[in-house]
Amino acid sequence: MKKNSAVLKADLRRTMLTRRRALSAEELAARGAQVTELLFSSFAVNEWRAVHLFLPIRRQKELDTWPIVHRLWQEFPAVQVGVPVSHTDGRLTHHQLLPHTVLAASKWGIPEPVNAPELLPTAFDAVLVPLLAFDEQGHRVGYGKGFYDRFLLECRPAALRIGMSLEPPVPRIADAWSGDVRLHACITPAGVWHFGNQ
């Protein structure tokens, strides 16, 4: 992509989905392992009381967050792990994930907890945000349904919004707007991007 070029969200969505589908299982695992390692080496995870993360949609070749979950359970048992449940009205609710939690696949193929304790959005000190692409200003592109945009607005302003990306950033998303909730940081396999105070 040309330096300083701006890309529309719809075009980025198509491009990044195509790139992701072309990844081999080995490359996907390698990139995921790099992102996981950078999360724990770059952020004060031990200071968090609760962290929200997404569970991967395997058929979409999403970044595998299960190694993060297992490491949190093993090394930081005091940190509550929360995951989303999506609802047909566009809401997310958030539920504690424990080793014994029963999971069922949603209509989108997302593993979701069944009858797990609910956590309020204000409980989280950090949110690990799924995305397809992001730019050098901290704007992100997801699947376009707006679930996370609404959720992030419900979180405390001090909660860290950390993107989890398999790809480096593009220079600029052309149709980002002032109402978008920007990331504080984004982890890629090659390193961590920080976007300053917001």
C-alpha atoms as a PDB file:
ATOM      1  CA  MET A   1       0.000   0.000   0.000  1.00  0.00           C
ATOM      2  CA  LYS A   2       1.370   3.450  -0.909  1.00  0.00           C
ATOM      3  CA  LYS A   3       2.651   5.632   1.888  1.00  0.00           C
ATOM      4  CA  ASN A   4       0.066   8.269   2.897  1.00  0.00           C
ATOM      5  CA  SER A   5      -2.620   6.522   0.835  1.00  0.00           C
ATOM      6  CA  ALA A   6      -6.074   6.391   2.397  1.00  0.00           C
ATOM      7  CA  VAL A   7      -8.236   3.287   2.075  1.00  0.00           C
ATOM      8  CA  LEU A   8     -11.985   2.856   2.512  1.00  0.00           C
ATOM      9  CA  LYS A   9     -13.232   0.494   5.221  1.00  0.00           C
ATOM     10  CA  ALA A  10     -15.148  -1.693   2.749  1.00  0.00           C
ATOM     11  CA  ASP A  11     -12.058  -2.134   0.557  1.00  0.00           C
ATOM     12  CA  LEU A  12      -9.870  -2.895   3.570  1.00  0.00           C
ATOM     13  CA  ARG A  13     -12.373  -5.449   4.828  1.00  0.00           C
ATOM     14  CA  ARG A  14     -12.274  -7.335   1.523  1.00  0.00           C
ATOM     15  CA  THR A  15      -8.491  -7.143   1.204  1.00  0.00           C
ATOM     16  CA  MET A  16      -7.745  -8.279   4.742  1.00  0.00           C
ATOM     17  CA  LEU A  17     -10.259 -11.134   4.665  1.00  0.00           C
ATOM     18  CA  THR A  18      -8.615 -12.387   1.461  1.00  0.00           C
ATOM     19  CA  ARG A  19      -5.141 -12.125   3.011  1.00  0.00           C
ATOM     20  CA  ARG A  20      -6.220 -13.926   6.149  1.00  0.00           C
ATOM     21  CA  ARG A  21      -7.866 -16.781   4.245  1.00  0.00           C
ATOM     22  CA  ALA A  22      -4.602 -17.283   2.340  1.00  0.00           C
ATOM     23  CA  LEU A  23      -2.592 -17.844   5.533  1.00  0.00           C
ATOM     24  CA  SER A  24      -1.428 -21.382   6.215  1.00  0.00           C
ATOM     25  CA  ALA A  25      -2.202 -22.915   9.599  1.00  0.00           C
ATOM     26  CA  GLU A  26       1.506 -22.688  10.450  1.00  0.00           C
ATOM     27  CA  GLU A  27       1.764 -18.987   9.573  1.00  0.00           C
ATOM     28  CA  LEU A  28      -1.439 -18.194  11.478  1.00  0.00           C
ATOM     29  CA  ALA A  29      -0.101 -19.998  14.560  1.00  0.00           C
ATOM     30  CA  ALA A  30       3.285 -18.263  14.309  1.00  0.00           C
ATOM     31  CA  ARG A  31       1.750 -14.797  14.050  1.00  0.00           C
ATOM     32  CA  GLY A  32      -0.622 -15.549  16.914  1.00  0.00           C
ATOM     33  CA  ALA A  33       2.261 -16.693  19.121  1.00  0.00           C
ATOM     34  CA  GLN A  34       4.154 -13.443  18.417  1.00  0.00           C
ATOM     35  CA  VAL A  35       1.108 -11.323  19.298  1.00  0.00           C
ATOM     36  CA  THR A  36       0.547 -13.314  22.503  1.00  0.00           C
ATOM     37  CA  GLU A  37       4.161 -12.897  23.606  1.00  0.00           C
ATOM     38  CA  LEU A  38       4.088  -9.149  22.935  1.00  0.00           C
ATOM     39  CA  LEU A  39       0.909  -8.751  24.985  1.00  0.00           C
ATOM     40  CA  PHE A  40       2.522 -10.201  28.086  1.00  0.00           C
ATOM     41  CA  SER A  41       5.891  -8.505  27.590  1.00  0.00           C
ATOM     42  CA  SER A  42       4.535  -5.032  26.735  1.00  0.00           C
ATOM     43  CA  PHE A  43       1.625  -4.510  29.156  1.00  0.00           C
ATOM     44  CA  ALA A  44       1.278  -4.687  32.948  1.00  0.00           C
ATOM     45  CA  VAL A  45      -1.144  -7.619  32.827  1.00  0.00           C
ATOM     46  CA  ASN A  46      -0.535  -8.356  36.512  1.00  0.00           C
ATOM     47  CA  GLU A  47      -2.132  -5.001  37.407  1.00  0.00           C
ATOM     48  CA  TRP A  48      -5.408  -5.744  35.648  1.00  0.00           C
ATOM     49  CA  ARG A  49      -8.388  -6.911  37.674  1.00  0.00           C
ATOM     50  CA  ALA A  50     -10.391  -7.974  34.627  1.00  0.00           C
ATOM     51  CA  VAL A  51      -9.602  -8.291  30.928  1.00  0.00           C
ATOM     52  CA  HIS A  52     -12.049  -8.751  28.071  1.00  0.00           C
ATOM     53  CA  LEU A  53     -11.072 -10.775  25.037  1.00  0.00           C
ATOM     54  CA  PHE A  54     -12.682 -12.474  22.077  1.00  0.00           C
ATOM     55  CA  LEU A  55     -12.654 -16.204  21.390  1.00  0.00           C
ATOM     56  CA  PRO A  56     -11.611 -17.016  17.813  1.00  0.00           C
ATOM     57  CA  ILE A  57     -13.921 -17.909  14.953  1.00  0.00           C
ATOM     58  CA  ARG A  58     -11.904 -20.806  13.551  1.00  0.00           C
ATOM     59  CA  ARG A  59     -13.514 -20.742  10.101  1.00  0.00           C
ATOM     60  CA  GLN A  60     -12.543 -17.060   9.743  1.00  0.00           C
ATOM     61  CA  LYS A  61      -8.909 -17.822  10.667  1.00  0.00           C
ATOM     62  CA  GLU A  62      -9.057 -15.306  13.497  1.00  0.00           C
ATOM     63  CA  LEU A  63      -6.098 -14.837  15.796  1.00  0.00           C
ATOM     64  CA  ASP A  64      -6.156 -17.668  18.344  1.00  0.00           C
ATOM     65  CA  THR A  65      -6.658 -16.128  21.786  1.00  0.00           C
ATOM     66  CA  TRP A  66      -6.776 -19.450  23.637  1.00  0.00           C
ATOM     67  CA  PRO A  67      -3.034 -19.319  24.481  1.00  0.00           C
ATOM     68  CA  ILE A  68      -3.718 -15.924  26.110  1.00  0.00           C
ATOM     69  CA  VAL A  69      -6.610 -17.376  28.094  1.00  0.00           C
ATOM     70  CA  HIS A  70      -4.564 -20.336  29.350  1.00  0.00           C
ATOM     71  CA  ARG A  71      -1.636 -18.137  30.289  1.00  0.00           C
ATOM     72  CA  LEU A  72      -3.917 -15.789  32.224  1.00  0.00           C
ATOM     73  CA  TRP A  73      -5.468 -18.723  34.097  1.00  0.00           C
ATOM     74  CA  GLN A  74      -2.071 -20.196  34.933  1.00  0.00           C
ATOM     75  CA  GLU A  75       0.091 -17.148  35.621  1.00  0.00           C
ATOM     76  CA  PHE A  76      -2.447 -14.491  36.666  1.00  0.00           C
ATOM     77  CA  PRO A  77      -5.300 -16.324  38.408  1.00  0.00           C
ATOM     78  CA  ALA A  78      -6.463 -13.111  40.125  1.00  0.00           C
ATOM     79  CA  VAL A  79      -7.278 -11.527  36.736  1.00  0.00           C
ATOM     80  CA  GLN A  80     -10.870 -12.191  35.700  1.00  0.00           C
ATOM     81  CA  VAL A  81     -11.273 -13.166  32.046  1.00  0.00           C
ATOM     82  CA  GLY A  82     -14.425 -11.958  30.302  1.00  0.00           C
ATOM     83  CA  VAL A  83     -15.732 -12.911  26.851  1.00  0.00           C
ATOM     84  CA  PRO A  84     -18.712 -11.634  24.857  1.00  0.00           C
ATOM     85  CA  VAL A  85     -22.083 -13.108  24.022  1.00  0.00           C
ATOM     86  CA  SER A  86     -23.756 -11.492  21.003  1.00  0.00           C
ATOM     87  CA  HIS A  87     -27.493 -10.837  20.838  1.00  0.00           C
ATOM     88  CA  THR A  88     -29.802 -10.356  17.862  1.00  0.00           C
ATOM     89  CA  ASP A  89     -30.557  -6.757  18.874  1.00  0.00           C
ATOM     90  CA  GLY A  90     -26.906  -5.777  18.353  1.00  0.00           C
ATOM     91  CA  ARG A  91     -25.902  -5.899  22.021  1.00  0.00           C
ATOM     92  CA  LEU A  92     -23.043  -7.737  23.614  1.00  0.00           C
ATOM     93  CA  THR A  93     -23.165  -9.052  27.144  1.00  0.00           C
ATOM     94  CA  HIS A  94     -19.968 -10.121  28.860  1.00  0.00           C
ATOM     95  CA  HIS A  95     -19.392 -13.243  30.929  1.00  0.00           C
ATOM     96  CA  GLN A  96     -16.644 -14.701  33.036  1.00  0.00           C
ATOM     97  CA  LEU A  97     -14.643 -17.473  31.388  1.00  0.00           C
ATOM     98  CA  LEU A  98     -13.330 -20.172  33.724  1.00  0.00           C
ATOM     99  CA  PRO A  99     -11.697 -23.551  32.956  1.00  0.00           C
ATOM    100  CA  HIS A 100     -14.999 -25.343  33.546  1.00  0.00           C
ATOM    101  CA  THR A 101     -17.202 -22.898  31.583  1.00  0.00           C
ATOM    102  CA  VAL A 102     -19.477 -24.603  29.042  1.00  0.00           C
ATOM    103  CA  LEU A 103     -19.254 -23.074  25.544  1.00  0.00           C
ATOM    104  CA  ALA A 104     -21.661 -23.215  22.600  1.00  0.00           C
ATOM    105  CA  ALA A 105     -21.138 -21.830  19.088  1.00  0.00           C
ATOM    106  CA  SER A 106     -23.237 -18.807  18.080  1.00  0.00           C
ATOM    107  CA  LYS A 107     -24.768 -18.500  14.606  1.00  0.00           C
ATOM    108  CA  TRP A 108     -21.532 -16.740  13.558  1.00  0.00           C
ATOM    109  CA  GLY A 109     -19.411 -19.627  14.839  1.00  0.00           C
ATOM    110  CA  ILE A 110     -18.199 -17.720  17.911  1.00  0.00           C
ATOM    111  CA  PRO A 111     -17.666 -19.868  21.032  1.00  0.00           C
ATOM    112  CA  GLU A 112     -19.855 -18.307  23.741  1.00  0.00           C
ATOM    113  CA  PRO A 113     -20.263 -19.209  27.416  1.00  0.00           C
ATOM    114  CA  VAL A 114     -23.485 -20.799  28.624  1.00  0.00           C
ATOM    115  CA  ASN A 115     -24.914 -19.706  31.998  1.00  0.00           C
ATOM    116  CA  ALA A 116     -21.677 -17.978  33.055  1.00  0.00           C
ATOM    117  CA  PRO A 117     -21.621 -15.044  35.520  1.00  0.00           C
ATOM    118  CA  GLU A 118     -22.120 -11.693  33.800  1.00  0.00           C
ATOM    119  CA  LEU A 119     -19.509  -8.933  34.021  1.00  0.00           C
ATOM    120  CA  LEU A 120     -20.374  -5.281  33.418  1.00  0.00           C
ATOM    121  CA  PRO A 121     -18.448  -3.316  30.758  1.00  0.00           C
ATOM    122  CA  THR A 122     -17.166  -1.033  33.530  1.00  0.00           C
ATOM    123  CA  ALA A 123     -15.407  -3.999  35.177  1.00  0.00           C
ATOM    124  CA  PHE A 124     -12.666  -4.234  32.565  1.00  0.00           C
ATOM    125  CA  ASP A 125      -9.230  -2.656  32.862  1.00  0.00           C
ATOM    126  CA  ALA A 126      -8.335  -3.766  29.333  1.00  0.00           C
ATOM    127  CA  VAL A 127     -10.207  -4.908  26.239  1.00  0.00           C
ATOM    128  CA  LEU A 128      -8.408  -6.979  23.595  1.00  0.00           C
ATOM    129  CA  VAL A 129     -10.213  -5.849  20.466  1.00  0.00           C
ATOM    130  CA  PRO A 130     -10.674  -8.024  17.365  1.00  0.00           C
ATOM    131  CA  LEU A 131     -10.128  -6.351  14.011  1.00  0.00           C
ATOM    132  CA  LEU A 132      -9.442  -6.922  10.356  1.00  0.00           C
ATOM    133  CA  ALA A 133      -7.302  -3.803   9.866  1.00  0.00           C
ATOM    134  CA  PHE A 134      -6.156  -0.647  11.624  1.00  0.00           C
ATOM    135  CA  ASP A 135      -4.401   2.569  10.671  1.00  0.00           C
ATOM    136  CA  GLU A 136      -1.543   4.610  12.085  1.00  0.00           C
ATOM    137  CA  GLN A 137      -4.003   6.867  13.944  1.00  0.00           C
ATOM    138  CA  GLY A 138      -5.581   3.995  15.900  1.00  0.00           C
ATOM    139  CA  HIS A 139      -8.794   3.585  13.902  1.00  0.00           C
ATOM    140  CA  ARG A 140      -9.906   0.008  13.289  1.00  0.00           C
ATOM    141  CA  VAL A 141     -11.991  -1.939  10.809  1.00  0.00           C
ATOM    142  CA  GLY A 142     -14.024  -4.913  12.021  1.00  0.00           C
ATOM    143  CA  TYR A 143     -16.711  -6.991  10.352  1.00  0.00           C
ATOM    144  CA  GLY A 144     -18.989  -3.949  10.153  1.00  0.00           C
ATOM    145  CA  LYS A 145     -21.733  -4.961  12.595  1.00  0.00           C
ATOM    146  CA  GLY A 146     -20.833  -2.369  15.234  1.00  0.00           C
ATOM    147  CA  PHE A 147     -20.885  -4.703  18.268  1.00  0.00           C
ATOM    148  CA  TYR A 148     -17.528  -3.529  19.592  1.00  0.00           C
ATOM    149  CA  ASP A 149     -18.117   0.148  18.810  1.00  0.00           C
ATOM    150  CA  ARG A 150     -21.151   0.105  21.104  1.00  0.00           C
ATOM    151  CA  PHE A 151     -19.389  -1.966  23.762  1.00  0.00           C
ATOM    152  CA  LEU A 152     -16.274   0.227  23.928  1.00  0.00           C
ATOM    153  CA  LEU A 153     -18.431   3.287  24.577  1.00  0.00           C
ATOM    154  CA  GLU A 154     -19.807   1.514  27.684  1.00  0.00           C
ATOM    155  CA  CYS A 155     -16.341   0.854  29.128  1.00  0.00           C
ATOM    156  CA  ARG A 156     -14.548   3.169  31.528  1.00  0.00           C
ATOM    157  CA  PRO A 157     -12.462   5.800  29.689  1.00  0.00           C
ATOM    158  CA  ALA A 158      -9.367   4.511  31.531  1.00  0.00           C
ATOM    159  CA  ALA A 159      -9.833   0.956  30.205  1.00  0.00           C
ATOM    160  CA  LEU A 160      -7.102   0.129  27.700  1.00  0.00           C
ATOM    161  CA  ARG A 161      -8.356  -0.612  24.193  1.00  0.00           C
ATOM    162  CA  ILE A 162      -5.742  -2.924  22.665  1.00  0.00           C
ATOM    163  CA  GLY A 163      -6.193  -4.136  19.100  1.00  0.00           C
ATOM    164  CA  MET A 164      -5.013  -7.618  18.128  1.00  0.00           C
ATOM    165  CA  SER A 165      -3.859  -7.667  14.504  1.00  0.00           C
ATOM    166  CA  LEU A 166      -2.314 -10.281  12.222  1.00  0.00           C
ATOM    167  CA  GLU A 167      -1.236  -7.519   9.809  1.00  0.00           C
ATOM    168  CA  PRO A 168       0.664  -4.190  10.039  1.00  0.00           C
ATOM    169  CA  PRO A 169      -1.300  -0.916   9.875  1.00  0.00           C
ATOM    170  CA  VAL A 170      -2.339   0.959   6.764  1.00  0.00           C
ATOM    171  CA  PRO A 171      -1.413   4.671   6.687  1.00  0.00           C
ATOM    172  CA  ARG A 172      -4.971   5.975   6.963  1.00  0.00           C
ATOM    173  CA  ILE A 173      -8.565   4.729   6.866  1.00  0.00           C
ATOM    174  CA  ALA A 174     -10.312   7.226   4.597  1.00  0.00           C
ATOM    175  CA  ASP A 175     -13.807   7.013   6.059  1.00  0.00           C
ATOM    176  CA  ALA A 176     -12.918   6.921   9.766  1.00  0.00           C
ATOM    177  CA  TRP A 177     -14.935   9.559  11.585  1.00  0.00           C
ATOM    178  CA  SER A 178     -14.764  11.454  14.869  1.00  0.00           C
ATOM    179  CA  GLY A 179     -17.329   9.136  16.504  1.00  0.00           C
ATOM    180  CA  ASP A 180     -15.158   6.046  16.062  1.00  0.00           C
ATOM    181  CA  VAL A 181     -13.688   4.773  19.329  1.00  0.00           C
ATOM    182  CA  ARG A 182      -9.957   4.684  18.646  1.00  0.00           C
ATOM    183  CA  LEU A 183      -7.513   2.162  20.044  1.00  0.00           C
ATOM    184  CA  HIS A 184      -4.913   3.058  22.664  1.00  0.00           C
ATOM    185  CA  ALA A 185      -2.551   0.460  21.207  1.00  0.00           C
ATOM    186  CA  CYS A 186      -2.446  -2.358  18.684  1.00  0.00           C
ATOM    187  CA  ILE A 187      -0.309  -5.485  18.796  1.00  0.00           C
ATOM    188  CA  THR A 188       0.967  -6.961  15.527  1.00  0.00           C
ATOM    189  CA  PRO A 189       3.387  -9.862  15.048  1.00  0.00           C
ATOM    190  CA  ALA A 190       6.146  -7.315  14.318  1.00  0.00           C
ATOM    191  CA  GLY A 191       5.579  -5.021  17.308  1.00  0.00           C
ATOM    192  CA  VAL A 192       3.230  -2.814  19.293  1.00  0.00           C
ATOM    193  CA  TRP A 193       1.782   0.454  18.040  1.00  0.00           C
ATOM    194  CA  HIS A 194       0.781   3.086  20.606  1.00  0.00           C
ATOM    195  CA  PHE A 195      -1.576   5.933  19.790  1.00  0.00           C
ATOM    196  CA  GLY A 196      -1.085   8.287  22.731  1.00  0.00           C
ATOM    197  CA  ASN A 197      -3.654   9.882  25.024  1.00  0.00           C
ATOM    198  CA  GLN A 198      -7.254   9.970  23.852  1.00  0.00           C
END
